[in-house]
Amino acid sequence: MTGATGSGPGRSVALTLAREGAQVVVNYRTCDESAYAIVEHIERDHGQAIATAADVFAADGFRHLVEAAFEHFGRVHICIVGSGGGWHPEPIDQLAPEAALEDPDGD
């Protein structure tokens, strides 16, 4: 699960899936403290979760994320990639896929 380390819908989805019995891999790129806090929250509620660092915008990073899931849980049933793409209010037919890779802060 990417996008779960913030305070938005990704976090909510990760917590909801865990509450419903899913084993959750919380991915982070830079927010390790937030990722581990979410894992701890899930475990306190008797769920199963791990945190792992991976840059899912790179093939090797995504591969690492999937391998971590298999290593710890033996399978992947659901893969949710919600990795902080910026808001682009353009009409759908004018959206460029590469726009999701843009950093709105210019970092």
PDB file of N, CA and C in Angstrom:
ATOM      1  N   MET A   1       0.844  -1.161   0.000  1.00  0.00           N
ATOM      2  CA  MET A   1       0.000   0.000   0.000  1.00  0.00           C
ATOM      3  C   MET A   1       0.890   1.225   0.000  1.00  0.00           C
ATOM      4  N   THR A   2       0.854   1.977  -1.075  1.00  0.00           N
ATOM      5  CA  THR A   2       1.588   3.227  -1.090  1.00  0.00           C
ATOM      6  C   THR A   2       0.621   4.355  -0.750  1.00  0.00           C
ATOM      7  N   GLY A   3       1.149   5.480  -0.331  1.00  0.00           N
ATOM      8  CA  GLY A   3       0.312   6.617   0.001  1.00  0.00           C
ATOM      9  C   GLY A   3      -0.359   6.515   1.356  1.00  0.00           C
ATOM     10  N   ALA A   4       0.088   5.580   2.202  1.00  0.00           N
ATOM     11  CA  ALA A   4      -0.560   5.370   3.495  1.00  0.00           C
ATOM     12  C   ALA A   4       0.101   6.136   4.634  1.00  0.00           C
ATOM     13  N   THR A   5       1.230   6.772   4.378  1.00  0.00           N
ATOM     14  CA  THR A   5       1.951   7.418   5.472  1.00  0.00           C
ATOM     15  C   THR A   5       1.477   8.828   5.762  1.00  0.00           C
ATOM     16  N   GLY A   6       0.591   9.353   4.950  1.00  0.00           N
ATOM     17  CA  GLY A   6       0.071  10.697   5.184  1.00  0.00           C
ATOM     18  C   GLY A   6      -1.160  10.662   6.062  1.00  0.00           C
ATOM     19  N   SER A   7      -1.994  11.662   5.901  1.00  0.00           N
ATOM     20  CA  SER A   7      -3.202  11.735   6.713  1.00  0.00           C
ATOM     21  C   SER A   7      -4.457  11.647   5.849  1.00  0.00           C
ATOM     22  N   GLY A   8      -4.294  11.272   4.593  1.00  0.00           N
ATOM     23  CA  GLY A   8      -5.414  11.263   3.664  1.00  0.00           C
ATOM     24  C   GLY A   8      -6.014   9.895   3.429  1.00  0.00           C
ATOM     25  N   PRO A   9      -6.575   9.718   2.239  1.00  0.00           N
ATOM     26  CA  PRO A   9      -7.308   8.485   1.940  1.00  0.00           C
ATOM     27  C   PRO A   9      -6.421   7.239   1.934  1.00  0.00           C
ATOM     28  N   GLY A  10      -5.156   7.346   1.582  1.00  0.00           N
ATOM     29  CA  GLY A  10      -4.286   6.170   1.589  1.00  0.00           C
ATOM     30  C   GLY A  10      -4.163   5.565   2.971  1.00  0.00           C
ATOM     31  N   ARG A  11      -3.991   6.420   3.950  1.00  0.00           N
ATOM     32  CA  ARG A  11      -3.909   5.962   5.344  1.00  0.00           C
ATOM     33  C   ARG A  11      -5.217   5.298   5.755  1.00  0.00           C
ATOM     34  N   SER A  12      -6.329   5.916   5.410  1.00  0.00           N
ATOM     35  CA  SER A  12      -7.635   5.374   5.748  1.00  0.00           C
ATOM     36  C   SER A  12      -7.852   4.001   5.110  1.00  0.00           C
ATOM     37  N   VAL A  13      -7.457   3.861   3.855  1.00  0.00           N
ATOM     38  CA  VAL A  13      -7.609   2.580   3.162  1.00  0.00           C
ATOM     39  C   VAL A  13      -6.765   1.508   3.847  1.00  0.00           C
ATOM     40  N   ALA A  14      -5.509   1.837   4.178  1.00  0.00           N
ATOM     41  CA  ALA A  14      -4.632   0.861   4.844  1.00  0.00           C
ATOM     42  C   ALA A  14      -5.222   0.415   6.172  1.00  0.00           C
ATOM     43  N   LEU A  15      -5.709   1.353   6.974  1.00  0.00           N
ATOM     44  CA  LEU A  15      -6.282   1.009   8.275  1.00  0.00           C
ATOM     45  C   LEU A  15      -7.569   0.211   8.133  1.00  0.00           C
ATOM     46  N   THR A  16      -8.379   0.561   7.143  1.00  0.00           N
ATOM     47  CA  THR A  16      -9.635  -0.171   6.917  1.00  0.00           C
ATOM     48  C   THR A  16      -9.352  -1.597   6.463  1.00  0.00           C
ATOM     49  N   LEU A  17      -8.433  -1.761   5.516  1.00  0.00           N
ATOM     50  CA  LEU A  17      -8.089  -3.106   5.059  1.00  0.00           C
ATOM     51  C   LEU A  17      -7.554  -3.957   6.202  1.00  0.00           C
ATOM     52  N   ALA A  18      -6.691  -3.373   7.023  1.00  0.00           N
ATOM     53  CA  ALA A  18      -6.143  -4.115   8.165  1.00  0.00           C
ATOM     54  C   ALA A  18      -7.249  -4.500   9.139  1.00  0.00           C
ATOM     55  N   ARG A  19      -8.150  -3.571   9.410  1.00  0.00           N
ATOM     56  CA  ARG A  19      -9.262  -3.841  10.322  1.00  0.00           C
ATOM     57  C   ARG A  19     -10.130  -4.997   9.808  1.00  0.00           C
ATOM     58  N   GLU A  20     -10.222  -5.107   8.486  1.00  0.00           N
ATOM     59  CA  GLU A  20     -11.029  -6.171   7.880  1.00  0.00           C
ATOM     60  C   GLU A  20     -10.240  -7.471   7.697  1.00  0.00           C
ATOM     61  N   GLY A  21      -8.999  -7.508   8.183  1.00  0.00           N
ATOM     62  CA  GLY A  21      -8.229  -8.753   8.178  1.00  0.00           C
ATOM     63  C   GLY A  21      -7.124  -8.851   7.151  1.00  0.00           C
ATOM     64  N   ALA A  22      -6.928  -7.818   6.347  1.00  0.00           N
ATOM     65  CA  ALA A  22      -5.852  -7.860   5.352  1.00  0.00           C
ATOM     66  C   ALA A  22      -4.492  -7.697   6.031  1.00  0.00           C
ATOM     67  N   GLN A  23      -3.503  -8.353   5.476  1.00  0.00           N
ATOM     68  CA  GLN A  23      -2.112  -8.143   5.873  1.00  0.00           C
ATOM     69  C   GLN A  23      -1.605  -6.992   5.018  1.00  0.00           C
ATOM     70  N   VAL A  24      -1.070  -5.958   5.647  1.00  0.00           N
ATOM     71  CA  VAL A  24      -0.770  -4.717   4.950  1.00  0.00           C
ATOM     72  C   VAL A  24       0.728  -4.439   4.924  1.00  0.00           C
ATOM     73  N   VAL A  25       1.229  -4.102   3.749  1.00  0.00           N
ATOM     74  CA  VAL A  25       2.590  -3.612   3.600  1.00  0.00           C
ATOM     75  C   VAL A  25       2.469  -2.103   3.411  1.00  0.00           C
ATOM     76  N   VAL A  26       2.989  -1.355   4.374  1.00  0.00           N
ATOM     77  CA  VAL A  26       2.948   0.098   4.315  1.00  0.00           C
ATOM     78  C   VAL A  26       4.263   0.562   3.692  1.00  0.00           C
ATOM     79  N   ASN A  27       4.168   1.100   2.517  1.00  0.00           N
ATOM     80  CA  ASN A  27       5.361   1.570   1.817  1.00  0.00           C
ATOM     81  C   ASN A  27       5.617   3.038   2.141  1.00  0.00           C
ATOM     82  N   TYR A  28       6.896   3.376   2.204  1.00  0.00           N
ATOM     83  CA  TYR A  28       7.266   4.777   2.361  1.00  0.00           C
ATOM     84  C   TYR A  28       8.508   5.052   1.525  1.00  0.00           C
ATOM     85  N   ARG A  29       8.652   6.281   1.144  1.00  0.00           N
ATOM     86  CA  ARG A  29       9.863   6.708   0.445  1.00  0.00           C
ATOM     87  C   ARG A  29      10.711   7.534   1.386  1.00  0.00           C
ATOM     88  N   THR A  30      10.094   8.424   2.154  1.00  0.00           N
ATOM     89  CA  THR A  30      10.842   9.283   3.065  1.00  0.00           C
ATOM     90  C   THR A  30      10.244   9.331   4.466  1.00  0.00           C
ATOM     91  N   CYS A  31       9.012   8.952   4.643  1.00  0.00           N
ATOM     92  CA  CYS A  31       8.311   9.114   5.928  1.00  0.00           C
ATOM     93  C   CYS A  31       8.337   7.829   6.745  1.00  0.00           C
ATOM     94  N   ASP A  32       9.540   7.367   7.111  1.00  0.00           N
ATOM     95  CA  ASP A  32       9.616   6.110   7.845  1.00  0.00           C
ATOM     96  C   ASP A  32       8.922   6.188   9.200  1.00  0.00           C
ATOM     97  N   GLU A  33       9.014   7.322   9.883  1.00  0.00           N
ATOM     98  CA  GLU A  33       8.370   7.467  11.181  1.00  0.00           C
ATOM     99  C   GLU A  33       6.857   7.297  11.060  1.00  0.00           C
ATOM    100  N   SER A  34       6.260   7.899  10.060  1.00  0.00           N
ATOM    101  CA  SER A  34       4.812   7.767   9.839  1.00  0.00           C
ATOM    102  C   SER A  34       4.440   6.338   9.482  1.00  0.00           C
ATOM    103  N   ALA A  35       5.247   5.707   8.637  1.00  0.00           N
ATOM    104  CA  ALA A  35       4.965   4.327   8.226  1.00  0.00           C
ATOM    105  C   ALA A  35       4.976   3.390   9.431  1.00  0.00           C
ATOM    106  N   TYR A  36       6.000   3.517  10.274  1.00  0.00           N
ATOM    107  CA  TYR A  36       6.079   2.647  11.446  1.00  0.00           C
ATOM    108  C   TYR A  36       4.977   2.949  12.458  1.00  0.00           C
ATOM    109  N   ALA A  37       4.529   4.198  12.542  1.00  0.00           N
ATOM    110  CA  ALA A  37       3.412   4.541  13.424  1.00  0.00           C
ATOM    111  C   ALA A  37       2.130   3.859  12.958  1.00  0.00           C
ATOM    112  N   ILE A  38       1.928   3.798  11.648  1.00  0.00           N
ATOM    113  CA  ILE A  38       0.740   3.132  11.106  1.00  0.00           C
ATOM    114  C   ILE A  38       0.819   1.633  11.351  1.00  0.00           C
ATOM    115  N   VAL A  39       1.998   1.052  11.148  1.00  0.00           N
ATOM    116  CA  VAL A  39       2.184  -0.376  11.430  1.00  0.00           C
ATOM    117  C   VAL A  39       1.885  -0.661  12.905  1.00  0.00           C
ATOM    118  N   GLU A  40       2.417   0.164  13.794  1.00  0.00           N
ATOM    119  CA  GLU A  40       2.165  -0.032  15.223  1.00  0.00           C
ATOM    120  C   GLU A  40       0.674   0.063  15.546  1.00  0.00           C
ATOM    121  N   HIS A  41      -0.007   1.009  14.927  1.00  0.00           N
ATOM    122  CA  HIS A  41      -1.455   1.150  15.139  1.00  0.00           C
ATOM    123  C   HIS A  41      -2.187  -0.113  14.695  1.00  0.00           C
ATOM    124  N   ILE A  42      -1.834  -0.619  13.528  1.00  0.00           N
ATOM    125  CA  ILE A  42      -2.465  -1.836  13.006  1.00  0.00           C
ATOM    126  C   ILE A  42      -2.195  -3.010  13.937  1.00  0.00           C
ATOM    127  N   GLU A  43      -0.960  -3.145  14.398  1.00  0.00           N
ATOM    128  CA  GLU A  43      -0.610  -4.262  15.283  1.00  0.00           C
ATOM    129  C   GLU A  43      -1.306  -4.152  16.640  1.00  0.00           C
ATOM    130  N   ARG A  44      -1.467  -2.931  17.158  1.00  0.00           N
ATOM    131  CA  ARG A  44      -2.197  -2.743  18.430  1.00  0.00           C
ATOM    132  C   ARG A  44      -3.638  -3.239  18.319  1.00  0.00           C
ATOM    133  N   ASP A  45      -4.191  -3.129  17.112  1.00  0.00           N
ATOM    134  CA  ASP A  45      -5.553  -3.605  16.863  1.00  0.00           C
ATOM    135  C   ASP A  45      -5.570  -5.056  16.387  1.00  0.00           C
ATOM    136  N   HIS A  46      -4.466  -5.767  16.643  1.00  0.00           N
ATOM    137  CA  HIS A  46      -4.332  -7.190  16.336  1.00  0.00           C
ATOM    138  C   HIS A  46      -4.272  -7.496  14.842  1.00  0.00           C
ATOM    139  N   GLY A  47      -3.879  -6.508  14.050  1.00  0.00           N
ATOM    140  CA  GLY A  47      -3.691  -6.717  12.623  1.00  0.00           C
ATOM    141  C   GLY A  47      -2.249  -7.077  12.313  1.00  0.00           C
ATOM    142  N   GLN A  48      -2.001  -7.339  11.051  1.00  0.00           N
ATOM    143  CA  GLN A  48      -0.659  -7.691  10.594  1.00  0.00           C
ATOM    144  C   GLN A  48      -0.206  -6.671   9.564  1.00  0.00           C
ATOM    145  N   ALA A  49       0.977  -6.098   9.801  1.00  0.00           N
ATOM    146  CA  ALA A  49       1.504  -5.091   8.875  1.00  0.00           C
ATOM    147  C   ALA A  49       3.016  -5.009   9.006  1.00  0.00           C
ATOM    148  N   ILE A  50       3.644  -4.596   7.932  1.00  0.00           N
ATOM    149  CA  ILE A  50       5.071  -4.278   7.938  1.00  0.00           C
ATOM    150  C   ILE A  50       5.249  -2.953   7.207  1.00  0.00           C
ATOM    151  N   ALA A  51       6.373  -2.320   7.444  1.00  0.00           N
ATOM    152  CA  ALA A  51       6.732  -1.106   6.700  1.00  0.00           C
ATOM    153  C   ALA A  51       7.976  -1.430   5.877  1.00  0.00           C
ATOM    154  N   THR A  52       8.021  -0.901   4.685  1.00  0.00           N
ATOM    155  CA  THR A  52       9.195  -1.078   3.842  1.00  0.00           C
ATOM    156  C   THR A  52       9.390   0.172   2.994  1.00  0.00           C
ATOM    157  N   ALA A  53      10.650   0.460   2.703  1.00  0.00           N
ATOM    158  CA  ALA A  53      10.978   1.641   1.891  1.00  0.00           C
ATOM    159  C   ALA A  53      11.162   1.228   0.443  1.00  0.00           C
ATOM    160  N   ALA A  54      10.471   1.925  -0.453  1.00  0.00           N
ATOM    161  CA  ALA A  54      10.619   1.660  -1.882  1.00  0.00           C
ATOM    162  C   ALA A  54      10.133   2.867  -2.670  1.00  0.00           C
ATOM    163  N   ASP A  55      10.866   3.196  -3.710  1.00  0.00           N
ATOM    164  CA  ASP A  55      10.445   4.251  -4.635  1.00  0.00           C
ATOM    165  C   ASP A  55       9.656   3.575  -5.747  1.00  0.00           C
ATOM    166  N   VAL A  56       8.333   3.637  -5.678  1.00  0.00           N
ATOM    167  CA  VAL A  56       7.496   2.910  -6.631  1.00  0.00           C
ATOM    168  C   VAL A  56       7.445   3.562  -8.003  1.00  0.00           C
ATOM    169  N   PHE A  57       8.114   4.716  -8.172  1.00  0.00           N
ATOM    170  CA  PHE A  57       8.218   5.316  -9.495  1.00  0.00           C
ATOM    171  C   PHE A  57       9.347   4.687 -10.295  1.00  0.00           C
ATOM    172  N   ALA A  58      10.097   3.782  -9.667  1.00  0.00           N
ATOM    173  CA  ALA A  58      11.182   3.063 -10.339  1.00  0.00           C
ATOM    174  C   ALA A  58      10.853   1.571 -10.305  1.00  0.00           C
ATOM    175  N   ALA A  59      11.134   0.869 -11.387  1.00  0.00           N
ATOM    176  CA  ALA A  59      10.810  -0.561 -11.480  1.00  0.00           C
ATOM    177  C   ALA A  59      11.450  -1.355 -10.352  1.00  0.00           C
ATOM    178  N   ASP A  60      12.709  -1.069 -10.040  1.00  0.00           N
ATOM    179  CA  ASP A  60      13.385  -1.805  -8.962  1.00  0.00           C
ATOM    180  C   ASP A  60      12.719  -1.550  -7.616  1.00  0.00           C
ATOM    181  N   GLY A  61      12.270  -0.321  -7.402  1.00  0.00           N
ATOM    182  CA  GLY A  61      11.589  -0.002  -6.155  1.00  0.00           C
ATOM    183  C   GLY A  61      10.279  -0.751  -6.025  1.00  0.00           C
ATOM    184  N   PHE A  62       9.515  -0.778  -7.096  1.00  0.00           N
ATOM    185  CA  PHE A  62       8.248  -1.496  -7.063  1.00  0.00           C
ATOM    186  C   PHE A  62       8.491  -2.992  -6.866  1.00  0.00           C
ATOM    187  N   ARG A  63       9.506  -3.516  -7.539  1.00  0.00           N
ATOM    188  CA  ARG A  63       9.862  -4.937  -7.377  1.00  0.00           C
ATOM    189  C   ARG A  63      10.197  -5.226  -5.909  1.00  0.00           C
ATOM    190  N   HIS A  64      10.959  -4.319  -5.277  1.00  0.00           N
ATOM    191  CA  HIS A  64      11.307  -4.490  -3.871  1.00  0.00           C
ATOM    192  C   HIS A  64      10.054  -4.547  -2.997  1.00  0.00           C
ATOM    193  N   LEU A  65       9.098  -3.703  -3.273  1.00  0.00           N
ATOM    194  CA  LEU A  65       7.857  -3.664  -2.507  1.00  0.00           C
ATOM    195  C   LEU A  65       7.107  -4.996  -2.618  1.00  0.00           C
ATOM    196  N   VAL A  66       6.985  -5.508  -3.813  1.00  0.00           N
ATOM    197  CA  VAL A  66       6.289  -6.782  -4.023  1.00  0.00           C
ATOM    198  C   VAL A  66       7.057  -7.922  -3.363  1.00  0.00           C
ATOM    199  N   GLU A  67       8.387  -7.913  -3.484  1.00  0.00           N
ATOM    200  CA  GLU A  67       9.196  -8.964  -2.848  1.00  0.00           C
ATOM    201  C   GLU A  67       9.044  -8.935  -1.325  1.00  0.00           C
ATOM    202  N   ALA A  68       8.963  -7.744  -0.741  1.00  0.00           N
ATOM    203  CA  ALA A  68       8.764  -7.634   0.705  1.00  0.00           C
ATOM    204  C   ALA A  68       7.432  -8.248   1.110  1.00  0.00           C
ATOM    205  N   ALA A  69       6.396  -8.011   0.322  1.00  0.00           N
ATOM    206  CA  ALA A  69       5.085  -8.590   0.612  1.00  0.00           C
ATOM    207  C   ALA A  69       5.152 -10.116   0.561  1.00  0.00           C
ATOM    208  N   PHE A  70       5.780 -10.655  -0.459  1.00  0.00           N
ATOM    209  CA  PHE A  70       5.896 -12.109  -0.574  1.00  0.00           C
ATOM    210  C   PHE A  70       6.756 -12.693   0.542  1.00  0.00           C
ATOM    211  N   GLU A  71       7.827 -12.008   0.883  1.00  0.00           N
ATOM    212  CA  GLU A  71       8.719 -12.501   1.937  1.00  0.00           C
ATOM    213  C   GLU A  71       8.003 -12.584   3.283  1.00  0.00           C
ATOM    214  N   HIS A  72       7.197 -11.580   3.602  1.00  0.00           N
ATOM    215  CA  HIS A  72       6.559 -11.539   4.909  1.00  0.00           C
ATOM    216  C   HIS A  72       5.200 -12.225   4.955  1.00  0.00           C
ATOM    217  N   PHE A  73       4.453 -12.171   3.855  1.00  0.00           N
ATOM    218  CA  PHE A  73       3.083 -12.690   3.882  1.00  0.00           C
ATOM    219  C   PHE A  73       2.816 -13.801   2.869  1.00  0.00           C
ATOM    220  N   GLY A  74       3.747 -14.055   1.954  1.00  0.00           N
ATOM    221  CA  GLY A  74       3.614 -15.156   1.025  1.00  0.00           C
ATOM    222  C   GLY A  74       2.725 -14.924  -0.180  1.00  0.00           C
ATOM    223  N   ARG A  75       2.150 -13.730  -0.273  1.00  0.00           N
ATOM    224  CA  ARG A  75       1.240 -13.470  -1.395  1.00  0.00           C
ATOM    225  C   ARG A  75       0.898 -11.981  -1.468  1.00  0.00           C
ATOM    226  N   VAL A  76       0.293 -11.615  -2.581  1.00  0.00           N
ATOM    227  CA  VAL A  76      -0.273 -10.281  -2.755  1.00  0.00           C
ATOM    228  C   VAL A  76      -1.667 -10.473  -3.338  1.00  0.00           C
ATOM    229  N   HIS A  77      -2.674 -10.000  -2.619  1.00  0.00           N
ATOM    230  CA  HIS A  77      -4.043 -10.075  -3.123  1.00  0.00           C
ATOM    231  C   HIS A  77      -4.498  -8.750  -3.701  1.00  0.00           C
ATOM    232  N   ILE A  78      -4.075  -7.667  -3.077  1.00  0.00           N
ATOM    233  CA  ILE A  78      -4.479  -6.329  -3.502  1.00  0.00           C
ATOM    234  C   ILE A  78      -3.243  -5.456  -3.534  1.00  0.00           C
ATOM    235  N   CYS A  79      -3.112  -4.657  -4.579  1.00  0.00           N
ATOM    236  CA  CYS A  79      -2.009  -3.699  -4.661  1.00  0.00           C
ATOM    237  C   CYS A  79      -2.618  -2.323  -4.911  1.00  0.00           C
ATOM    238  N   ILE A  80      -2.408  -1.423  -3.965  1.00  0.00           N
ATOM    239  CA  ILE A  80      -2.939  -0.070  -4.093  1.00  0.00           C
ATOM    240  C   ILE A  80      -1.763   0.894  -4.170  1.00  0.00           C
ATOM    241  N   VAL A  81      -1.682   1.604  -5.277  1.00  0.00           N
ATOM    242  CA  VAL A  81      -0.618   2.582  -5.462  1.00  0.00           C
ATOM    243  C   VAL A  81      -1.263   3.964  -5.459  1.00  0.00           C
ATOM    244  N   GLY A  82      -1.099   4.656  -4.358  1.00  0.00           N
ATOM    245  CA  GLY A  82      -1.648   6.001  -4.205  1.00  0.00           C
ATOM    246  C   GLY A  82      -0.550   6.928  -3.744  1.00  0.00           C
ATOM    247  N   SER A  83       0.504   6.979  -4.500  1.00  0.00           N
ATOM    248  CA  SER A  83       1.738   7.619  -4.047  1.00  0.00           C
ATOM    249  C   SER A  83       1.789   9.117  -4.280  1.00  0.00           C
ATOM    250  N   GLY A  84       0.879   9.822  -3.693  1.00  0.00           N
ATOM    251  CA  GLY A  84       0.942  11.268  -3.605  1.00  0.00           C
ATOM    252  C   GLY A  84       0.986  12.035  -4.904  1.00  0.00           C
ATOM    253  N   GLY A  85       0.317  11.567  -5.936  1.00  0.00           N
ATOM    254  CA  GLY A  85       0.253  12.346  -7.166  1.00  0.00           C
ATOM    255  C   GLY A  85      -0.443  13.671  -6.908  1.00  0.00           C
ATOM    256  N   GLY A  86      -0.008  14.693  -7.578  1.00  0.00           N
ATOM    257  CA  GLY A  86      -0.598  16.009  -7.365  1.00  0.00           C
ATOM    258  C   GLY A  86      -1.992  16.106  -7.953  1.00  0.00           C
ATOM    259  N   TRP A  87      -2.710  17.116  -7.540  1.00  0.00           N
ATOM    260  CA  TRP A  87      -4.046  17.363  -8.052  1.00  0.00           C
ATOM    261  C   TRP A  87      -3.921  18.125  -9.353  1.00  0.00           C
ATOM    262  N   HIS A  88      -4.507  17.598 -10.402  1.00  0.00           N
ATOM    263  CA  HIS A  88      -4.462  18.216 -11.725  1.00  0.00           C
ATOM    264  C   HIS A  88      -5.900  18.364 -12.206  1.00  0.00           C
ATOM    265  N   PRO A  89      -6.481  19.568 -12.109  1.00  0.00           N
ATOM    266  CA  PRO A  89      -7.894  19.726 -12.425  1.00  0.00           C
ATOM    267  C   PRO A  89      -8.225  19.791 -13.917  1.00  0.00           C
ATOM    268  N   GLU A  90      -7.294  19.450 -14.787  1.00  0.00           N
ATOM    269  CA  GLU A  90      -7.568  19.480 -16.221  1.00  0.00           C
ATOM    270  C   GLU A  90      -8.623  18.433 -16.580  1.00  0.00           C
ATOM    271  N   PRO A  91      -9.330  18.644 -17.681  1.00  0.00           N
ATOM    272  CA  PRO A  91     -10.272  17.621 -18.158  1.00  0.00           C
ATOM    273  C   PRO A  91      -9.531  16.299 -18.398  1.00  0.00           C
ATOM    274  N   ILE A  92     -10.209  15.212 -18.159  1.00  0.00           N
ATOM    275  CA  ILE A  92      -9.584  13.888 -18.223  1.00  0.00           C
ATOM    276  C   ILE A  92      -8.905  13.621 -19.562  1.00  0.00           C
ATOM    277  N   ASP A  93      -9.477  14.096 -20.647  1.00  0.00           N
ATOM    278  CA  ASP A  93      -8.882  13.834 -21.953  1.00  0.00           C
ATOM    279  C   ASP A  93      -7.634  14.677 -22.212  1.00  0.00           C
ATOM    280  N   GLN A  94      -7.321  15.597 -21.307  1.00  0.00           N
ATOM    281  CA  GLN A  94      -6.136  16.430 -21.465  1.00  0.00           C
ATOM    282  C   GLN A  94      -5.045  16.112 -20.439  1.00  0.00           C
ATOM    283  N   LEU A  95      -5.278  15.134 -19.586  1.00  0.00           N
ATOM    284  CA  LEU A  95      -4.281  14.769 -18.585  1.00  0.00           C
ATOM    285  C   LEU A  95      -3.114  14.028 -19.227  1.00  0.00           C
ATOM    286  N   ALA A  96      -1.923  14.371 -18.827  1.00  0.00           N
ATOM    287  CA  ALA A  96      -0.719  13.673 -19.283  1.00  0.00           C
ATOM    288  C   ALA A  96      -0.281  12.722 -18.166  1.00  0.00           C
ATOM    289  N   PRO A  97      -0.077  11.425 -18.464  1.00  0.00           N
ATOM    290  CA  PRO A  97       0.317  10.471 -17.421  1.00  0.00           C
ATOM    291  C   PRO A  97       1.566  10.901 -16.658  1.00  0.00           C
ATOM    292  N   GLU A  98       2.510  11.535 -17.333  1.00  0.00           N
ATOM    293  CA  GLU A  98       3.739  11.942 -16.655  1.00  0.00           C
ATOM    294  C   GLU A  98       3.490  13.047 -15.631  1.00  0.00           C
ATOM    295  N   ALA A  99       2.337  13.701 -15.681  1.00  0.00           N
ATOM    296  CA  ALA A  99       2.021  14.753 -14.716  1.00  0.00           C
ATOM    297  C   ALA A  99       1.937  14.190 -13.293  1.00  0.00           C
ATOM    298  N   ALA A 100       1.594  12.923 -13.151  1.00  0.00           N
ATOM    299  CA  ALA A 100       1.526  12.310 -11.829  1.00  0.00           C
ATOM    300  C   ALA A 100       2.897  12.214 -11.189  1.00  0.00           C
ATOM    301  N   LEU A 101       3.942  12.292 -11.987  1.00  0.00           N
ATOM    302  CA  LEU A 101       5.308  12.192 -11.468  1.00  0.00           C
ATOM    303  C   LEU A 101       5.858  13.549 -11.059  1.00  0.00           C
ATOM    304  N   GLU A 102       5.146  14.622 -11.361  1.00  0.00           N
ATOM    305  CA  GLU A 102       5.626  15.949 -11.024  1.00  0.00           C
ATOM    306  C   GLU A 102       5.513  16.195  -9.537  1.00  0.00           C
ATOM    307  N   ASP A 103       6.512  16.828  -8.978  1.00  0.00           N
ATOM    308  CA  ASP A 103       6.503  17.202  -7.593  1.00  0.00           C
ATOM    309  C   ASP A 103       5.918  18.606  -7.492  1.00  0.00           C
ATOM    310  N   PRO A 104       4.762  18.769  -6.857  1.00  0.00           N
ATOM    311  CA  PRO A 104       4.142  20.083  -6.810  1.00  0.00           C
ATOM    312  C   PRO A 104       4.986  21.121  -6.067  1.00  0.00           C
ATOM    313  N   ASP A 105       5.910  20.668  -5.210  1.00  0.00           N
ATOM    314  CA  ASP A 105       6.771  21.578  -4.467  1.00  0.00           C
ATOM    315  C   ASP A 105       8.077  21.854  -5.210  1.00  0.00           C
ATOM    316  N   GLY A 106       8.288  21.200  -6.338  1.00  0.00           N
ATOM    317  CA  GLY A 106       9.498  21.400  -7.123  1.00  0.00           C
ATOM    318  C   GLY A 106      10.730  20.739  -6.559  1.00  0.00           C
ATOM    319  N   ASP A 107      10.567  19.798  -5.634  1.00  0.00           N
ATOM    320  CA  ASP A 107      11.718  19.089  -5.026  1.00  0.00           C
ATOM    321  C   ASP A 107      12.165  17.923  -5.873  1.00  0.00           C
TER     322      ASP A 107
END
